[in-house]
Amino acid sequence: MIDTSLPDTTEPLTLSLVVPMYNEEDNVAPFVERVHEVLSGYAYPWELVLVDDGSADNTNERMRAQRKQFGHHVRILTLQRNFGQTAAMQAGIDIARGSVIALMDGDLQNDPADIPGMVQRLVDEDLDMVAGWRKNRQDDLWRRKIPSRIANKLIRSITGVNLHDYGCSLKVFRAHILKGVRLYGEMHRFIPAWFATQTSPKRIREHVVQHHARTRGASKYGISRTFRVILDLLAVYFFMRFKARPGHFFGSIGLVFGGLGAVILGYLLMLKVFWDADIGTRPLLFVGVMCVLVSVQLLTTGVLSELTARTYFESGQQRSYVVRSSVHEQAGETDWHHGRG
């Protein structure tokens, strides 16, 4: 018997399980049934948000049949076309009503039975995110495991968020923090890294979860993901470290090129002045001039990006910080410490 009880907490605890699906008609019914089997005795209100990412099969019809069978807590969001897993996740997050949001795929490779334990750990340890770790992964070695290991190692080294399994879709979050993170492109695999821009990595933990071999439908992943991960990782690195100071990123590179160009041109100038050397036909002259031009271009880009960042933050839509809590009363006389004089 799975213990689905949770300790008392001062904030209302409601759970939204967000599940994007794409061409998973054979998995819809078994998945929804499994969720209800696991959460039927759950101590707090919960909802299941199914997102149909423009499926070309009967996935949407199967979703509607499950809603009719189980009730209106099964919510269905149908996207106009196939926008990709990241967009489908974001769409589900946007309409989720719970104070805790769980994300997972609907292919039944992850088991919904792990969700209550992950939520309980989130509450007990006062965490902001609990990520699943498929320690005993049931996937093909060459098509899934090896690309995943390469990607996980790259992401850990670049982002500094030390998780073993970035690719596990089963994750549990504090909703008010997750809703402050916007997901674009194919950034779903970097959710812990994006999440770490809103909270401390110390408040992110792993939880060993079950993993089953796929029995229905076809996998949407392959070794080509590794190359896309590298490209996406560059964007993650930039936004994690230089979102509020992009001029430092471009300026640092510009100074390196500028310094190299100055050294080259200085060397050629000495050759011309002291040894009357012919430097006009030297390839090194072209390299030096190009380095200076690249430096000017990067420094100018840095200044423009700083202006853009300042406009972004000063518009009132975003801040360069995130407040976790604040202890104070309404502004008044008692907010001030008065000297004895």
C-alpha atoms as a PDB file:
ATOM      1  CA  MET A   1       0.000   0.000   0.000  1.00  0.00           C
ATOM      2  CA  ILE A   2       1.362   3.393  -1.002  1.00  0.00           C
ATOM      3  CA  ASP A   3       1.347   6.026   1.731  1.00  0.00           C
ATOM      4  CA  THR A   4      -0.229   9.120   0.176  1.00  0.00           C
ATOM      5  CA  SER A   5      -0.575  11.096   3.400  1.00  0.00           C
ATOM      6  CA  LEU A   6       1.267  14.362   3.890  1.00  0.00           C
ATOM      7  CA  PRO A   7       2.168  16.334   6.987  1.00  0.00           C
ATOM      8  CA  ASP A   8       0.209  19.438   7.916  1.00  0.00           C
ATOM      9  CA  THR A   9       1.387  22.557   6.137  1.00  0.00           C
ATOM     10  CA  THR A  10       0.465  26.205   6.533  1.00  0.00           C
ATOM     11  CA  GLU A  11      -0.243  26.661   2.813  1.00  0.00           C
ATOM     12  CA  PRO A  12      -3.104  24.904   0.997  1.00  0.00           C
ATOM     13  CA  LEU A  13      -1.645  21.872  -0.759  1.00  0.00           C
ATOM     14  CA  THR A  14      -3.222  21.052  -4.091  1.00  0.00           C
ATOM     15  CA  LEU A  15      -1.621  18.999  -6.835  1.00  0.00           C
ATOM     16  CA  SER A  16      -1.742  19.482 -10.612  1.00  0.00           C
ATOM     17  CA  LEU A  17      -0.336  16.628 -12.685  1.00  0.00           C
ATOM     18  CA  VAL A  18       0.551  18.001 -16.139  1.00  0.00           C
ATOM     19  CA  VAL A  19       1.036  15.406 -18.887  1.00  0.00           C
ATOM     20  CA  PRO A  20       1.809  16.319 -22.522  1.00  0.00           C
ATOM     21  CA  MET A  21       0.966  13.637 -25.072  1.00  0.00           C
ATOM     22  CA  TYR A  22       1.672  13.290 -28.765  1.00  0.00           C
ATOM     23  CA  ASN A  23       0.365  10.295 -30.726  1.00  0.00           C
ATOM     24  CA  GLU A  24      -0.094   8.193 -27.591  1.00  0.00           C
ATOM     25  CA  GLU A  25      -3.588   6.801 -28.271  1.00  0.00           C
ATOM     26  CA  ASP A  26      -2.715   3.371 -26.876  1.00  0.00           C
ATOM     27  CA  ASN A  27      -1.329   4.833 -23.654  1.00  0.00           C
ATOM     28  CA  VAL A  28      -4.091   7.290 -22.721  1.00  0.00           C
ATOM     29  CA  ALA A  29      -6.496   4.884 -21.025  1.00  0.00           C
ATOM     30  CA  PRO A  30      -3.865   2.810 -19.158  1.00  0.00           C
ATOM     31  CA  PHE A  31      -2.132   5.987 -17.998  1.00  0.00           C
ATOM     32  CA  VAL A  32      -5.260   7.723 -16.685  1.00  0.00           C
ATOM     33  CA  GLU A  33      -6.383   4.526 -14.981  1.00  0.00           C
ATOM     34  CA  ARG A  34      -2.990   4.158 -13.331  1.00  0.00           C
ATOM     35  CA  VAL A  35      -3.080   7.757 -12.086  1.00  0.00           C
ATOM     36  CA  HIS A  36      -6.479   7.198 -10.487  1.00  0.00           C
ATOM     37  CA  GLU A  37      -5.356   3.911  -8.989  1.00  0.00           C
ATOM     38  CA  VAL A  38      -2.399   5.627  -7.318  1.00  0.00           C
ATOM     39  CA  LEU A  39      -4.081   8.884  -6.279  1.00  0.00           C
ATOM     40  CA  SER A  40      -7.537   7.576  -5.360  1.00  0.00           C
ATOM     41  CA  GLY A  41      -6.645   7.815  -1.666  1.00  0.00           C
ATOM     42  CA  TYR A  42      -4.651  11.034  -1.929  1.00  0.00           C
ATOM     43  CA  ALA A  43      -5.244  13.289   1.081  1.00  0.00           C
ATOM     44  CA  TYR A  44      -5.424  16.575  -0.843  1.00  0.00           C
ATOM     45  CA  PRO A  45      -7.276  17.890  -3.921  1.00  0.00           C
ATOM     46  CA  TRP A  46      -5.655  17.048  -7.248  1.00  0.00           C
ATOM     47  CA  GLU A  47      -6.282  17.444 -10.948  1.00  0.00           C
ATOM     48  CA  LEU A  48      -4.937  15.798 -14.078  1.00  0.00           C
ATOM     49  CA  VAL A  49      -4.113  18.135 -16.973  1.00  0.00           C
ATOM     50  CA  LEU A  50      -3.734  16.263 -20.257  1.00  0.00           C
ATOM     51  CA  VAL A  51      -2.216  18.278 -23.104  1.00  0.00           C
ATOM     52  CA  ASP A  52      -2.757  16.971 -26.620  1.00  0.00           C
ATOM     53  CA  ASP A  53       0.184  18.326 -28.614  1.00  0.00           C
ATOM     54  CA  GLY A  54      -1.542  18.215 -31.991  1.00  0.00           C
ATOM     55  CA  SER A  55      -1.701  14.419 -32.204  1.00  0.00           C
ATOM     56  CA  ALA A  56      -2.479  12.917 -35.622  1.00  0.00           C
ATOM     57  CA  ASP A  57      -4.079   9.778 -34.170  1.00  0.00           C
ATOM     58  CA  ASN A  58      -6.987   9.224 -31.773  1.00  0.00           C
ATOM     59  CA  THR A  59      -5.191  10.553 -28.670  1.00  0.00           C
ATOM     60  CA  ASN A  60      -7.650  13.429 -28.202  1.00  0.00           C
ATOM     61  CA  GLU A  61     -10.717  11.211 -28.504  1.00  0.00           C
ATOM     62  CA  ARG A  62      -9.260   8.797 -25.934  1.00  0.00           C
ATOM     63  CA  MET A  63      -8.593  11.731 -23.584  1.00  0.00           C
ATOM     64  CA  ARG A  64     -12.200  12.886 -23.839  1.00  0.00           C
ATOM     65  CA  ALA A  65     -13.451   9.380 -23.154  1.00  0.00           C
ATOM     66  CA  GLN A  66     -11.348   9.246 -19.961  1.00  0.00           C
ATOM     67  CA  ARG A  67     -12.664  12.624 -18.817  1.00  0.00           C
ATOM     68  CA  LYS A  68     -16.210  11.375 -19.350  1.00  0.00           C
ATOM     69  CA  GLN A  69     -15.437   8.248 -17.346  1.00  0.00           C
ATOM     70  CA  PHE A  70     -13.541   9.770 -14.412  1.00  0.00           C
ATOM     71  CA  GLY A  71     -14.865  13.323 -14.096  1.00  0.00           C
ATOM     72  CA  HIS A  72     -14.080  16.998 -14.641  1.00  0.00           C
ATOM     73  CA  HIS A  73     -10.880  16.921 -12.585  1.00  0.00           C
ATOM     74  CA  VAL A  74      -9.433  15.398 -15.764  1.00  0.00           C
ATOM     75  CA  ARG A  75      -8.821  18.556 -17.800  1.00  0.00           C
ATOM     76  CA  ILE A  76      -7.945  18.467 -21.498  1.00  0.00           C
ATOM     77  CA  LEU A  77      -6.001  21.104 -23.398  1.00  0.00           C
ATOM     78  CA  THR A  78      -5.797  20.598 -27.160  1.00  0.00           C
ATOM     79  CA  LEU A  79      -3.141  22.502 -29.074  1.00  0.00           C
ATOM     80  CA  GLN A  80      -3.817  23.723 -32.605  1.00  0.00           C
ATOM     81  CA  ARG A  81      -0.896  21.741 -34.014  1.00  0.00           C
ATOM     82  CA  ASN A  82       2.223  19.919 -32.860  1.00  0.00           C
ATOM     83  CA  PHE A  83       4.280  22.614 -31.099  1.00  0.00           C
ATOM     84  CA  GLY A  84       6.707  20.245 -29.355  1.00  0.00           C
ATOM     85  CA  GLN A  85       7.047  18.871 -25.849  1.00  0.00           C
ATOM     86  CA  THR A  86       8.348  22.093 -24.296  1.00  0.00           C
ATOM     87  CA  ALA A  87       5.431  24.186 -25.567  1.00  0.00           C
ATOM     88  CA  ALA A  88       2.958  21.503 -24.486  1.00  0.00           C
ATOM     89  CA  MET A  89       4.442  21.481 -20.983  1.00  0.00           C
ATOM     90  CA  GLN A  90       4.267  25.266 -20.780  1.00  0.00           C
ATOM     91  CA  ALA A  91       0.645  25.246 -21.921  1.00  0.00           C
ATOM     92  CA  GLY A  92      -0.246  22.766 -19.180  1.00  0.00           C
ATOM     93  CA  ILE A  93       1.682  24.729 -16.560  1.00  0.00           C
ATOM     94  CA  ASP A  94      -0.157  27.911 -17.549  1.00  0.00           C
ATOM     95  CA  ILE A  95      -3.586  26.432 -16.769  1.00  0.00           C
ATOM     96  CA  ALA A  96      -2.552  24.315 -13.762  1.00  0.00           C
ATOM     97  CA  ARG A  97      -4.298  25.406 -10.560  1.00  0.00           C
ATOM     98  CA  GLY A  98      -2.376  23.434  -7.931  1.00  0.00           C
ATOM     99  CA  SER A  99       0.112  24.820  -5.427  1.00  0.00           C
ATOM    100  CA  VAL A 100       2.338  21.886  -6.439  1.00  0.00           C
ATOM    101  CA  ILE A 101       2.827  20.909 -10.084  1.00  0.00           C
ATOM    102  CA  ALA A 102       4.066  17.512 -11.222  1.00  0.00           C
ATOM    103  CA  LEU A 103       5.286  16.985 -14.782  1.00  0.00           C
ATOM    104  CA  MET A 104       5.636  13.641 -16.522  1.00  0.00           C
ATOM    105  CA  ASP A 105       5.249  11.932 -19.895  1.00  0.00           C
ATOM    106  CA  GLY A 106       2.210   9.837 -20.662  1.00  0.00           C
ATOM    107  CA  ASP A 107       4.031   6.817 -22.088  1.00  0.00           C
ATOM    108  CA  LEU A 108       3.955   4.909 -18.754  1.00  0.00           C
ATOM    109  CA  GLN A 109       7.726   4.550 -18.667  1.00  0.00           C
ATOM    110  CA  ASN A 110       7.622   6.635 -15.502  1.00  0.00           C
ATOM    111  CA  ASP A 111       5.222   5.387 -12.847  1.00  0.00           C
ATOM    112  CA  PRO A 112       2.660   7.789 -11.300  1.00  0.00           C
ATOM    113  CA  ALA A 113       3.110   5.791  -8.083  1.00  0.00           C
ATOM    114  CA  ASP A 114       6.280   7.795  -7.431  1.00  0.00           C
ATOM    115  CA  ILE A 115       4.422  11.122  -7.305  1.00  0.00           C
ATOM    116  CA  PRO A 116       3.088  10.987  -3.706  1.00  0.00           C
ATOM    117  CA  GLY A 117       6.558  10.231  -2.334  1.00  0.00           C
ATOM    118  CA  MET A 118       8.103  13.060  -4.328  1.00  0.00           C
ATOM    119  CA  VAL A 119       5.450  15.527  -3.162  1.00  0.00           C
ATOM    120  CA  GLN A 120       5.929  14.402   0.410  1.00  0.00           C
ATOM    121  CA  ARG A 121       9.674  14.951   0.140  1.00  0.00           C
ATOM    122  CA  LEU A 122       9.076  18.403  -1.348  1.00  0.00           C
ATOM    123  CA  VAL A 123       7.021  19.317   1.712  1.00  0.00           C
ATOM    124  CA  ASP A 124       9.023  17.505   4.401  1.00  0.00           C
ATOM    125  CA  GLU A 125      12.386  18.920   3.299  1.00  0.00           C
ATOM    126  CA  ASP A 126      10.984  22.342   2.310  1.00  0.00           C
ATOM    127  CA  LEU A 127      12.290  22.031  -1.250  1.00  0.00           C
ATOM    128  CA  ASP A 128      11.261  23.886  -4.386  1.00  0.00           C
ATOM    129  CA  MET A 129      11.840  21.025  -6.832  1.00  0.00           C
ATOM    130  CA  VAL A 130      12.250  17.251  -6.696  1.00  0.00           C
ATOM    131  CA  ALA A 131      13.567  15.669  -9.903  1.00  0.00           C
ATOM    132  CA  GLY A 132      13.179  12.015 -10.791  1.00  0.00           C
ATOM    133  CA  TRP A 133      16.286   9.863 -11.205  1.00  0.00           C
ATOM    134  CA  ARG A 134      15.881   6.743 -13.345  1.00  0.00           C
ATOM    135  CA  LYS A 135      18.658   4.871 -11.593  1.00  0.00           C
ATOM    136  CA  ASN A 136      17.707   1.566 -13.215  1.00  0.00           C
ATOM    137  CA  ARG A 137      16.753   2.832 -16.644  1.00  0.00           C
ATOM    138  CA  GLN A 138      14.964   0.405 -18.986  1.00  0.00           C
ATOM    139  CA  ASP A 139      15.984   1.784 -22.369  1.00  0.00           C
ATOM    140  CA  ASP A 140      18.086   0.849 -25.358  1.00  0.00           C
ATOM    141  CA  LEU A 141      21.802   1.345 -24.630  1.00  0.00           C
ATOM    142  CA  TRP A 142      22.862   3.057 -27.862  1.00  0.00           C
ATOM    143  CA  ARG A 143      19.711   4.980 -28.794  1.00  0.00           C
ATOM    144  CA  ARG A 144      18.789   6.272 -25.352  1.00  0.00           C
ATOM    145  CA  LYS A 145      21.217   5.545 -22.512  1.00  0.00           C
ATOM    146  CA  ILE A 146      24.534   6.656 -24.051  1.00  0.00           C
ATOM    147  CA  PRO A 147      23.155   9.909 -25.585  1.00  0.00           C
ATOM    148  CA  SER A 148      21.480  10.634 -22.261  1.00  0.00           C
ATOM    149  CA  ARG A 149      24.699  10.111 -20.289  1.00  0.00           C
ATOM    150  CA  ILE A 150      26.601  12.429 -22.638  1.00  0.00           C
ATOM    151  CA  ALA A 151      23.898  15.080 -22.355  1.00  0.00           C
ATOM    152  CA  ASN A 152      23.659  14.798 -18.558  1.00  0.00           C
ATOM    153  CA  LYS A 153      27.411  15.208 -18.144  1.00  0.00           C
ATOM    154  CA  LEU A 154      27.481  18.269 -20.395  1.00  0.00           C
ATOM    155  CA  ILE A 155      24.548  19.899 -18.629  1.00  0.00           C
ATOM    156  CA  ARG A 156      25.978  19.256 -15.143  1.00  0.00           C
ATOM    157  CA  SER A 157      29.359  20.729 -16.056  1.00  0.00           C
ATOM    158  CA  ILE A 158      27.902  23.854 -17.682  1.00  0.00           C
ATOM    159  CA  THR A 159      24.966  24.683 -15.401  1.00  0.00           C
ATOM    160  CA  GLY A 160      26.401  23.651 -12.030  1.00  0.00           C
ATOM    161  CA  VAL A 161      23.099  21.962 -11.090  1.00  0.00           C
ATOM    162  CA  ASN A 162      24.281  18.527 -10.038  1.00  0.00           C
ATOM    163  CA  LEU A 163      21.616  16.039 -11.112  1.00  0.00           C
ATOM    164  CA  HIS A 164      22.182  12.551 -12.475  1.00  0.00           C
ATOM    165  CA  ASP A 165      19.199  12.469 -14.805  1.00  0.00           C
ATOM    166  CA  TYR A 166      18.146  15.678 -16.535  1.00  0.00           C
ATOM    167  CA  GLY A 167      16.147  13.716 -19.091  1.00  0.00           C
ATOM    168  CA  CYS A 168      13.659  12.230 -16.646  1.00  0.00           C
ATOM    169  CA  SER A 169      10.357  13.962 -17.318  1.00  0.00           C
ATOM    170  CA  LEU A 170       8.960  13.152 -13.851  1.00  0.00           C
ATOM    171  CA  LYS A 171       9.517  16.236 -11.701  1.00  0.00           C
ATOM    172  CA  VAL A 172       7.628  17.989  -8.897  1.00  0.00           C
ATOM    173  CA  PHE A 173       7.711  21.773  -8.328  1.00  0.00           C
ATOM    174  CA  ARG A 174       6.391  24.589  -6.181  1.00  0.00           C
ATOM    175  CA  ALA A 175       3.895  26.108  -8.591  1.00  0.00           C
ATOM    176  CA  HIS A 176       4.521  29.778  -7.787  1.00  0.00           C
ATOM    177  CA  ILE A 177       8.199  29.383  -8.692  1.00  0.00           C
ATOM    178  CA  LEU A 178       7.677  27.212 -11.766  1.00  0.00           C
ATOM    179  CA  LYS A 179       5.180  29.707 -13.191  1.00  0.00           C
ATOM    180  CA  GLY A 180       7.937  32.323 -13.078  1.00  0.00           C
ATOM    181  CA  VAL A 181       9.990  30.261 -15.542  1.00  0.00           C
ATOM    182  CA  ARG A 182       9.059  30.473 -19.218  1.00  0.00           C
ATOM    183  CA  LEU A 183       9.952  27.523 -21.429  1.00  0.00           C
ATOM    184  CA  TYR A 184      10.688  27.912 -25.125  1.00  0.00           C
ATOM    185  CA  GLY A 185      12.085  25.879 -28.012  1.00  0.00           C
ATOM    186  CA  GLU A 186      13.245  22.475 -26.755  1.00  0.00           C
ATOM    187  CA  MET A 187      14.216  23.638 -23.286  1.00  0.00           C
ATOM    188  CA  HIS A 188      12.207  21.028 -21.349  1.00  0.00           C
ATOM    189  CA  ARG A 189      15.368  19.008 -20.724  1.00  0.00           C
ATOM    190  CA  PHE A 190      16.904  22.073 -19.064  1.00  0.00           C
ATOM    191  CA  ILE A 191      14.032  22.783 -16.667  1.00  0.00           C
ATOM    192  CA  PRO A 192      16.231  22.253 -13.557  1.00  0.00           C
ATOM    193  CA  ALA A 193      18.775  24.741 -14.930  1.00  0.00           C
ATOM    194  CA  TRP A 194      16.096  27.339 -15.730  1.00  0.00           C
ATOM    195  CA  PHE A 195      14.490  26.652 -12.360  1.00  0.00           C
ATOM    196  CA  ALA A 196      17.835  27.342 -10.667  1.00  0.00           C
ATOM    197  CA  THR A 197      17.663  30.922 -11.995  1.00  0.00           C
ATOM    198  CA  GLN A 198      14.623  31.414  -9.740  1.00  0.00           C
ATOM    199  CA  THR A 199      15.756  29.529  -6.632  1.00  0.00           C
ATOM    200  CA  SER A 200      18.891  28.149  -5.012  1.00  0.00           C
ATOM    201  CA  PRO A 201      20.277  24.853  -6.383  1.00  0.00           C
ATOM    202  CA  LYS A 202      20.322  23.714  -2.744  1.00  0.00           C
ATOM    203  CA  ARG A 203      16.538  23.607  -2.874  1.00  0.00           C
ATOM    204  CA  ILE A 204      16.598  21.130  -5.761  1.00  0.00           C
ATOM    205  CA  ARG A 205      16.931  17.421  -4.963  1.00  0.00           C
ATOM    206  CA  GLU A 206      16.769  14.073  -6.739  1.00  0.00           C
ATOM    207  CA  HIS A 207      14.452  11.179  -5.967  1.00  0.00           C
ATOM    208  CA  VAL A 208      15.036   7.664  -7.292  1.00  0.00           C
ATOM    209  CA  VAL A 209      12.005   6.622  -9.353  1.00  0.00           C
ATOM    210  CA  GLN A 210      10.846   3.535 -11.152  1.00  0.00           C
ATOM    211  CA  HIS A 211      11.338   3.202 -14.880  1.00  0.00           C
ATOM    212  CA  HIS A 212       9.641   0.757 -17.223  1.00  0.00           C
ATOM    213  CA  ALA A 213      10.327  -0.263 -20.798  1.00  0.00           C
ATOM    214  CA  ARG A 214       7.946   1.248 -23.339  1.00  0.00           C
ATOM    215  CA  THR A 215       5.245  -1.273 -24.268  1.00  0.00           C
ATOM    216  CA  ARG A 216       2.974   0.859 -26.461  1.00  0.00           C
ATOM    217  CA  GLY A 217       3.611   3.550 -29.046  1.00  0.00           C
ATOM    218  CA  ALA A 218       6.915   4.699 -30.483  1.00  0.00           C
ATOM    219  CA  SER A 219       9.708   6.695 -28.868  1.00  0.00           C
ATOM    220  CA  LYS A 220      10.160  10.266 -30.125  1.00  0.00           C
ATOM    221  CA  TYR A 221      13.853  10.447 -29.165  1.00  0.00           C
ATOM    222  CA  GLY A 222      17.173   9.328 -30.625  1.00  0.00           C
ATOM    223  CA  ILE A 223      20.884  10.028 -30.701  1.00  0.00           C
ATOM    224  CA  SER A 224      20.319  13.245 -32.699  1.00  0.00           C
ATOM    225  CA  ARG A 225      19.116  14.815 -29.435  1.00  0.00           C
ATOM    226  CA  THR A 226      22.734  15.010 -28.230  1.00  0.00           C
ATOM    227  CA  PHE A 227      23.642  17.568 -30.892  1.00  0.00           C
ATOM    228  CA  ARG A 228      20.547  19.662 -30.170  1.00  0.00           C
ATOM    229  CA  VAL A 229      21.422  19.559 -26.477  1.00  0.00           C
ATOM    230  CA  ILE A 230      24.810  21.150 -27.205  1.00  0.00           C
ATOM    231  CA  LEU A 231      23.185  24.048 -29.084  1.00  0.00           C
ATOM    232  CA  ASP A 232      20.517  24.569 -26.426  1.00  0.00           C
ATOM    233  CA  LEU A 233      23.149  24.369 -23.715  1.00  0.00           C
ATOM    234  CA  LEU A 234      24.885  27.462 -25.092  1.00  0.00           C
ATOM    235  CA  ALA A 235      21.670  29.435 -24.669  1.00  0.00           C
ATOM    236  CA  VAL A 236      21.167  28.079 -21.139  1.00  0.00           C
ATOM    237  CA  TYR A 237      24.735  29.015 -20.178  1.00  0.00           C
ATOM    238  CA  PHE A 238      24.249  32.545 -21.447  1.00  0.00           C
ATOM    239  CA  PHE A 239      20.929  33.153 -19.694  1.00  0.00           C
ATOM    240  CA  MET A 240      22.010  31.577 -16.400  1.00  0.00           C
ATOM    241  CA  ARG A 241      25.153  33.692 -16.076  1.00  0.00           C
ATOM    242  CA  PHE A 242      24.632  36.793 -18.182  1.00  0.00           C
ATOM    243  CA  LYS A 243      20.901  37.492 -18.358  1.00  0.00           C
ATOM    244  CA  ALA A 244      21.232  40.675 -16.277  1.00  0.00           C
ATOM    245  CA  ARG A 245      24.682  41.642 -17.592  1.00  0.00           C
ATOM    246  CA  PRO A 246      24.989  40.563 -21.250  1.00  0.00           C
ATOM    247  CA  GLY A 247      27.593  43.262 -21.851  1.00  0.00           C
ATOM    248  CA  HIS A 248      30.045  41.271 -19.720  1.00  0.00           C
ATOM    249  CA  PHE A 249      29.655  38.265 -22.004  1.00  0.00           C
ATOM    250  CA  PHE A 250      30.184  40.096 -25.278  1.00  0.00           C
ATOM    251  CA  GLY A 251      32.650  42.571 -23.754  1.00  0.00           C
ATOM    252  CA  SER A 252      34.919  39.850 -22.387  1.00  0.00           C
ATOM    253  CA  ILE A 253      35.196  38.178 -25.779  1.00  0.00           C
ATOM    254  CA  GLY A 254      35.632  41.556 -27.449  1.00  0.00           C
ATOM    255  CA  LEU A 255      38.495  42.484 -25.124  1.00  0.00           C
ATOM    256  CA  VAL A 256      40.262  39.196 -25.900  1.00  0.00           C
ATOM    257  CA  PHE A 257      40.064  39.843 -29.638  1.00  0.00           C
ATOM    258  CA  GLY A 258      40.988  43.489 -29.144  1.00  0.00           C
ATOM    259  CA  GLY A 259      44.039  42.591 -27.082  1.00  0.00           C
ATOM    260  CA  LEU A 260      45.154  40.010 -29.633  1.00  0.00           C
ATOM    261  CA  GLY A 261      44.695  42.499 -32.485  1.00  0.00           C
ATOM    262  CA  ALA A 262      46.638  45.192 -30.602  1.00  0.00           C
ATOM    263  CA  VAL A 263      49.549  42.826 -29.985  1.00  0.00           C
ATOM    264  CA  ILE A 264      49.664  41.777 -33.649  1.00  0.00           C
ATOM    265  CA  LEU A 265      49.456  45.324 -34.993  1.00  0.00           C
ATOM    266  CA  GLY A 266      51.975  46.559 -32.436  1.00  0.00           C
ATOM    267  CA  TYR A 267      54.411  43.858 -33.520  1.00  0.00           C
ATOM    268  CA  LEU A 268      53.969  44.766 -37.185  1.00  0.00           C
ATOM    269  CA  LEU A 269      54.398  48.459 -36.375  1.00  0.00           C
ATOM    270  CA  MET A 270      57.754  47.741 -34.703  1.00  0.00           C
ATOM    271  CA  LEU A 271      58.872  45.770 -37.750  1.00  0.00           C
ATOM    272  CA  LYS A 272      57.951  48.671 -40.011  1.00  0.00           C
ATOM    273  CA  VAL A 273      59.461  51.448 -37.872  1.00  0.00           C
ATOM    274  CA  PHE A 274      62.695  49.815 -36.719  1.00  0.00           C
ATOM    275  CA  TRP A 275      63.487  47.351 -39.503  1.00  0.00           C
ATOM    276  CA  ASP A 276      61.622  48.970 -42.430  1.00  0.00           C
ATOM    277  CA  ALA A 277      59.981  45.625 -43.162  1.00  0.00           C
ATOM    278  CA  ASP A 278      57.315  45.247 -45.816  1.00  0.00           C
ATOM    279  CA  ILE A 279      54.158  44.408 -43.836  1.00  0.00           C
ATOM    280  CA  GLY A 280      51.525  45.287 -46.452  1.00  0.00           C
ATOM    281  CA  THR A 281      51.440  41.804 -47.959  1.00  0.00           C
ATOM    282  CA  ARG A 282      51.679  39.858 -44.702  1.00  0.00           C
ATOM    283  CA  PRO A 283      48.645  37.705 -43.780  1.00  0.00           C
ATOM    284  CA  LEU A 284      49.343  38.679 -40.175  1.00  0.00           C
ATOM    285  CA  LEU A 285      48.293  42.253 -40.957  1.00  0.00           C
ATOM    286  CA  PHE A 286      44.900  41.024 -42.162  1.00  0.00           C
ATOM    287  CA  VAL A 287      44.522  38.876 -39.016  1.00  0.00           C
ATOM    288  CA  GLY A 288      45.353  41.841 -36.772  1.00  0.00           C
ATOM    289  CA  VAL A 289      42.911  44.177 -38.495  1.00  0.00           C
ATOM    290  CA  MET A 290      40.158  41.554 -38.376  1.00  0.00           C
ATOM    291  CA  CYS A 291      40.730  40.999 -34.659  1.00  0.00           C
ATOM    292  CA  VAL A 292      40.317  44.724 -33.995  1.00  0.00           C
ATOM    293  CA  LEU A 293      37.165  44.900 -36.133  1.00  0.00           C
ATOM    294  CA  VAL A 294      35.666  41.860 -34.381  1.00  0.00           C
ATOM    295  CA  SER A 295      36.530  43.449 -31.034  1.00  0.00           C
ATOM    296  CA  VAL A 296      34.756  46.692 -31.930  1.00  0.00           C
ATOM    297  CA  GLN A 297      31.736  44.732 -33.141  1.00  0.00           C
ATOM    298  CA  LEU A 298      31.524  42.658 -29.946  1.00  0.00           C
ATOM    299  CA  LEU A 299      31.983  45.653 -27.651  1.00  0.00           C
ATOM    300  CA  THR A 300      29.269  47.528 -29.534  1.00  0.00           C
ATOM    301  CA  THR A 301      26.987  44.485 -29.272  1.00  0.00           C
ATOM    302  CA  GLY A 302      27.708  44.399 -25.542  1.00  0.00           C
ATOM    303  CA  VAL A 303      26.648  48.026 -25.094  1.00  0.00           C
ATOM    304  CA  LEU A 304      23.447  47.486 -27.088  1.00  0.00           C
ATOM    305  CA  SER A 305      22.613  44.320 -25.148  1.00  0.00           C
ATOM    306  CA  GLU A 306      23.115  46.196 -21.858  1.00  0.00           C
ATOM    307  CA  LEU A 307      20.664  48.852 -23.040  1.00  0.00           C
ATOM    308  CA  THR A 308      18.185  46.124 -23.969  1.00  0.00           C
ATOM    309  CA  ALA A 309      18.597  44.389 -20.602  1.00  0.00           C
ATOM    310  CA  ARG A 310      18.075  47.648 -18.700  1.00  0.00           C
ATOM    311  CA  THR A 311      14.938  48.384 -20.711  1.00  0.00           C
ATOM    312  CA  TYR A 312      13.687  44.864 -19.985  1.00  0.00           C
ATOM    313  CA  PHE A 313      14.189  45.065 -16.228  1.00  0.00           C
ATOM    314  CA  GLU A 314      13.087  48.689 -15.845  1.00  0.00           C
ATOM    315  CA  SER A 315       9.868  48.069 -17.755  1.00  0.00           C
ATOM    316  CA  GLY A 316       8.440  46.560 -14.579  1.00  0.00           C
ATOM    317  CA  GLN A 317       7.741  43.222 -16.225  1.00  0.00           C
ATOM    318  CA  GLN A 318      10.788  41.547 -14.758  1.00  0.00           C
ATOM    319  CA  ARG A 319      13.205  41.991 -11.893  1.00  0.00           C
ATOM    320  CA  SER A 320      16.836  41.018 -11.604  1.00  0.00           C
ATOM    321  CA  TYR A 321      16.055  39.128  -8.381  1.00  0.00           C
ATOM    322  CA  VAL A 322      13.413  36.823  -6.902  1.00  0.00           C
ATOM    323  CA  VAL A 323      12.097  37.304  -3.339  1.00  0.00           C
ATOM    324  CA  ARG A 324      11.375  34.117  -1.399  1.00  0.00           C
ATOM    325  CA  SER A 325       9.766  35.716   1.658  1.00  0.00           C
ATOM    326  CA  SER A 326       9.563  39.061   3.421  1.00  0.00           C
ATOM    327  CA  VAL A 327       8.849  39.802   7.076  1.00  0.00           C
ATOM    328  CA  HIS A 328       7.392  43.286   7.555  1.00  0.00           C
ATOM    329  CA  GLU A 329       4.175  45.140   8.221  1.00  0.00           C
ATOM    330  CA  GLN A 330       2.509  47.993   6.411  1.00  0.00           C
ATOM    331  CA  ALA A 331       4.788  51.023   6.262  1.00  0.00           C
ATOM    332  CA  GLY A 332       4.250  53.056   9.413  1.00  0.00           C
ATOM    333  CA  GLU A 333       5.772  54.491  12.533  1.00  0.00           C
ATOM    334  CA  THR A 334       6.610  51.084  14.015  1.00  0.00           C
ATOM    335  CA  ASP A 335       8.832  50.216  11.060  1.00  0.00           C
ATOM    336  CA  TRP A 336      11.506  52.647  12.242  1.00  0.00           C
ATOM    337  CA  HIS A 337      14.001  52.403  15.051  1.00  0.00           C
ATOM    338  CA  HIS A 338      14.162  55.691  16.923  1.00  0.00           C
ATOM    339  CA  GLY A 339      17.241  56.887  18.756  1.00  0.00           C
ATOM    340  CA  ARG A 340      17.080  57.906  22.400  1.00  0.00           C
ATOM    341  CA  GLY A 341      17.640  61.522  21.526  1.00  0.00           C
END
